[in-house]
Amino acid sequence: QVQLVESGGGLVQAGDSLRLSCAASASGRTFSTYNMGWFRQAPGEERVFVAAISRSAGSPYYADSVKGRFTISRDNAKNTVYLQMKSLKPEDTAVYYCVAGRSILFSTRFDQNDYWGQGTQVTVSS
């Protein structure tokens, strides 16, 4: 069981940066055994994959829409995963969800992972 709490969202202007954090509380299985990722959901749209990182913090991968602007990282000692977002655009506006997956590979389909948080709102004004 993992409980995930996102923070760091807010209202920013286009071109600004923002860092999201996700604090994990794991029981029965340590945080470092989960692949972690971020999804986002814009108003009226489905949740879509943003970024993911493996258990050992290697092999990060990104959606094409954020590649080169967003960086995912994790600190297993702090049970925390981060999403550094730069050069934000109005189309990045969404609720961002932290997600944990137990499988060997993290799924880019939201419902094929195992745990997620309540989300944090990111709003980018033009």
C-alpha atoms as a PDB file:
ATOM      1  CA  GLN A   1       0.000   0.000   0.000  1.00  0.00           C
ATOM      2  CA  VAL A   2       1.277   3.459  -0.918  1.00  0.00           C
ATOM      3  CA  GLN A   3      -0.180   6.837  -0.087  1.00  0.00           C
ATOM      4  CA  LEU A   4       0.907   9.673  -2.350  1.00  0.00           C
ATOM      5  CA  VAL A   5       0.611  13.383  -1.624  1.00  0.00           C
ATOM      6  CA  GLU A   6       1.443  15.909  -4.323  1.00  0.00           C
ATOM      7  CA  SER A   7       2.468  19.499  -3.680  1.00  0.00           C
ATOM      8  CA  GLY A   8       4.003  22.439  -5.469  1.00  0.00           C
ATOM      9  CA  GLY A   9       1.275  23.341  -7.904  1.00  0.00           C
ATOM     10  CA  GLY A  10       0.125  26.892  -8.457  1.00  0.00           C
ATOM     11  CA  LEU A  11      -0.525  29.723 -10.866  1.00  0.00           C
ATOM     12  CA  VAL A  12       2.410  30.821 -13.003  1.00  0.00           C
ATOM     13  CA  GLN A  13       2.997  32.717 -16.216  1.00  0.00           C
ATOM     14  CA  ALA A  14       4.078  31.224 -19.506  1.00  0.00           C
ATOM     15  CA  GLY A  15       7.814  30.667 -19.532  1.00  0.00           C
ATOM     16  CA  ASP A  16       8.047  30.214 -15.776  1.00  0.00           C
ATOM     17  CA  SER A  17       9.259  27.155 -13.906  1.00  0.00           C
ATOM     18  CA  LEU A  18       7.642  25.066 -11.223  1.00  0.00           C
ATOM     19  CA  ARG A  19       8.664  21.990  -9.268  1.00  0.00           C
ATOM     20  CA  LEU A  20       6.130  19.435  -8.138  1.00  0.00           C
ATOM     21  CA  SER A  21       6.840  17.052  -5.290  1.00  0.00           C
ATOM     22  CA  CYS A  22       5.187  13.796  -4.363  1.00  0.00           C
ATOM     23  CA  ALA A  23       5.726  12.390  -0.892  1.00  0.00           C
ATOM     24  CA  ALA A  24       5.094   8.673  -0.537  1.00  0.00           C
ATOM     25  CA  SER A  25       4.160   6.660   2.520  1.00  0.00           C
ATOM     26  CA  ALA A  26       4.665   2.982   1.798  1.00  0.00           C
ATOM     27  CA  SER A  27       3.722   0.039   3.965  1.00  0.00           C
ATOM     28  CA  GLY A  28       4.662  -3.557   3.375  1.00  0.00           C
ATOM     29  CA  ARG A  29       6.921  -2.667   0.505  1.00  0.00           C
ATOM     30  CA  THR A  30       9.544   0.050   0.341  1.00  0.00           C
ATOM     31  CA  PHE A  31       9.234   3.112  -1.875  1.00  0.00           C
ATOM     32  CA  SER A  32      12.312   2.156  -3.847  1.00  0.00           C
ATOM     33  CA  THR A  33      10.531  -0.935  -5.194  1.00  0.00           C
ATOM     34  CA  TYR A  34       7.961   1.156  -7.078  1.00  0.00           C
ATOM     35  CA  ASN A  35       8.317   2.692 -10.462  1.00  0.00           C
ATOM     36  CA  MET A  36       6.996   6.237 -10.273  1.00  0.00           C
ATOM     37  CA  GLY A  37       5.454   8.630 -12.708  1.00  0.00           C
ATOM     38  CA  TRP A  38       3.333  11.684 -13.357  1.00  0.00           C
ATOM     39  CA  PHE A  39       0.122  12.040 -15.309  1.00  0.00           C
ATOM     40  CA  ARG A  40      -1.952  15.123 -15.951  1.00  0.00           C
ATOM     41  CA  GLN A  41      -5.551  15.880 -16.736  1.00  0.00           C
ATOM     42  CA  ALA A  42      -6.709  19.057 -18.406  1.00  0.00           C
ATOM     43  CA  PRO A  43     -10.350  20.166 -18.130  1.00  0.00           C
ATOM     44  CA  GLY A  44     -12.597  17.996 -20.255  1.00  0.00           C
ATOM     45  CA  GLU A  45      -9.786  15.645 -21.228  1.00  0.00           C
ATOM     46  CA  GLU A  46      -8.500  12.268 -20.134  1.00  0.00           C
ATOM     47  CA  ARG A  47      -5.513  11.741 -17.895  1.00  0.00           C
ATOM     48  CA  VAL A  48      -2.384  11.451 -19.979  1.00  0.00           C
ATOM     49  CA  PHE A  49       1.112  10.284 -19.285  1.00  0.00           C
ATOM     50  CA  VAL A  50       3.761  12.923 -18.591  1.00  0.00           C
ATOM     51  CA  ALA A  51       6.891  11.235 -17.249  1.00  0.00           C
ATOM     52  CA  ALA A  52       8.142   8.142 -15.450  1.00  0.00           C
ATOM     53  CA  ILE A  53      11.243   6.965 -13.650  1.00  0.00           C
ATOM     54  CA  SER A  54      12.404   3.516 -12.649  1.00  0.00           C
ATOM     55  CA  ARG A  55      12.990   2.167  -9.149  1.00  0.00           C
ATOM     56  CA  SER A  56      16.676   2.993  -9.193  1.00  0.00           C
ATOM     57  CA  ALA A  57      16.107   6.476 -10.640  1.00  0.00           C
ATOM     58  CA  GLY A  58      17.440   5.404 -13.985  1.00  0.00           C
ATOM     59  CA  SER A  59      15.793   5.351 -17.407  1.00  0.00           C
ATOM     60  CA  PRO A  60      13.442   8.328 -17.157  1.00  0.00           C
ATOM     61  CA  TYR A  61      11.091   8.765 -20.101  1.00  0.00           C
ATOM     62  CA  TYR A  62       8.724  11.493 -21.152  1.00  0.00           C
ATOM     63  CA  ALA A  63       5.742  12.323 -23.255  1.00  0.00           C
ATOM     64  CA  ASP A  64       6.784  14.090 -26.439  1.00  0.00           C
ATOM     65  CA  SER A  65       4.862  17.179 -25.369  1.00  0.00           C
ATOM     66  CA  VAL A  66       7.139  17.769 -22.362  1.00  0.00           C
ATOM     67  CA  LYS A  67      10.441  16.306 -23.534  1.00  0.00           C
ATOM     68  CA  GLY A  68      13.259  18.777 -23.060  1.00  0.00           C
ATOM     69  CA  ARG A  69      11.215  20.954 -20.681  1.00  0.00           C
ATOM     70  CA  PHE A  70      10.305  18.608 -17.808  1.00  0.00           C
ATOM     71  CA  THR A  71      12.615  16.489 -15.678  1.00  0.00           C
ATOM     72  CA  ILE A  72      11.529  13.703 -13.382  1.00  0.00           C
ATOM     73  CA  SER A  73      13.699  12.618 -10.486  1.00  0.00           C
ATOM     74  CA  ARG A  74      13.394  10.734  -7.239  1.00  0.00           C
ATOM     75  CA  ASP A  75      15.065  10.559  -3.864  1.00  0.00           C
ATOM     76  CA  ASN A  76      14.523   7.115  -2.407  1.00  0.00           C
ATOM     77  CA  ALA A  77      15.991   8.162   0.928  1.00  0.00           C
ATOM     78  CA  LYS A  78      13.239  10.779   1.223  1.00  0.00           C
ATOM     79  CA  ASN A  79      10.485   8.688  -0.380  1.00  0.00           C
ATOM     80  CA  THR A  80       9.859  11.530  -2.785  1.00  0.00           C
ATOM     81  CA  VAL A  81       9.550  11.967  -6.516  1.00  0.00           C
ATOM     82  CA  TYR A  82       9.831  15.324  -8.261  1.00  0.00           C
ATOM     83  CA  LEU A  83       8.769  16.878 -11.515  1.00  0.00           C
ATOM     84  CA  GLN A  84      10.776  19.933 -12.500  1.00  0.00           C
ATOM     85  CA  MET A  85       8.884  21.892 -15.139  1.00  0.00           C
ATOM     86  CA  LYS A  86      10.507  24.645 -17.175  1.00  0.00           C
ATOM     87  CA  SER A  87       9.360  26.867 -20.014  1.00  0.00           C
ATOM     88  CA  LEU A  88       5.779  26.268 -19.028  1.00  0.00           C
ATOM     89  CA  LYS A  89       3.060  26.821 -21.592  1.00  0.00           C
ATOM     90  CA  PRO A  90      -0.666  27.475 -21.189  1.00  0.00           C
ATOM     91  CA  GLU A  91      -1.309  23.994 -22.584  1.00  0.00           C
ATOM     92  CA  ASP A  92       0.503  22.553 -19.563  1.00  0.00           C
ATOM     93  CA  THR A  93      -2.428  23.687 -17.444  1.00  0.00           C
ATOM     94  CA  ALA A  94      -3.852  20.598 -15.743  1.00  0.00           C
ATOM     95  CA  VAL A  95      -4.187  18.674 -12.533  1.00  0.00           C
ATOM     96  CA  TYR A  96      -0.985  16.694 -12.090  1.00  0.00           C
ATOM     97  CA  TYR A  97      -1.115  13.259 -10.480  1.00  0.00           C
ATOM     98  CA  CYS A  98       1.695  11.268  -8.931  1.00  0.00           C
ATOM     99  CA  VAL A  99       1.435   7.550  -9.681  1.00  0.00           C
ATOM    100  CA  ALA A 100       3.172   4.443  -8.371  1.00  0.00           C
ATOM    101  CA  GLY A 101       3.469   1.144 -10.211  1.00  0.00           C
ATOM    102  CA  ARG A 102       4.457  -2.266  -8.870  1.00  0.00           C
ATOM    103  CA  SER A 103       5.025  -3.904 -12.228  1.00  0.00           C
ATOM    104  CA  ILE A 104       8.419  -4.329 -13.804  1.00  0.00           C
ATOM    105  CA  LEU A 105       7.547  -1.643 -16.350  1.00  0.00           C
ATOM    106  CA  PHE A 106       5.627   1.525 -15.569  1.00  0.00           C
ATOM    107  CA  SER A 107       2.536   1.794 -17.721  1.00  0.00           C
ATOM    108  CA  THR A 108       1.754   4.920 -19.691  1.00  0.00           C
ATOM    109  CA  ARG A 109      -1.897   4.035 -19.174  1.00  0.00           C
ATOM    110  CA  PHE A 110      -3.086   5.569 -15.943  1.00  0.00           C
ATOM    111  CA  ASP A 111      -5.425   2.756 -14.926  1.00  0.00           C
ATOM    112  CA  GLN A 112      -2.756   0.086 -15.351  1.00  0.00           C
ATOM    113  CA  ASN A 113      -0.710   1.430 -12.458  1.00  0.00           C
ATOM    114  CA  ASP A 114      -1.464   0.823  -8.825  1.00  0.00           C
ATOM    115  CA  TYR A 115      -1.601   3.949  -6.673  1.00  0.00           C
ATOM    116  CA  TRP A 116      -2.112   7.658  -7.224  1.00  0.00           C
ATOM    117  CA  GLY A 117      -2.532  10.824  -5.252  1.00  0.00           C
ATOM    118  CA  GLN A 118      -5.265  13.442  -5.204  1.00  0.00           C
ATOM    119  CA  GLY A 119      -3.462  15.698  -7.646  1.00  0.00           C
ATOM    120  CA  THR A 120      -2.147  19.237  -7.622  1.00  0.00           C
ATOM    121  CA  GLN A 121      -3.373  22.026  -9.898  1.00  0.00           C
ATOM    122  CA  VAL A 122      -0.968  23.746 -12.245  1.00  0.00           C
ATOM    123  CA  THR A 123      -2.273  26.774 -14.110  1.00  0.00           C
ATOM    124  CA  VAL A 124      -0.158  28.570 -16.684  1.00  0.00           C
ATOM    125  CA  SER A 125      -1.380  31.938 -17.855  1.00  0.00           C
ATOM    126  CA  SER A 126      -0.418  33.430 -21.194  1.00  0.00           C
END
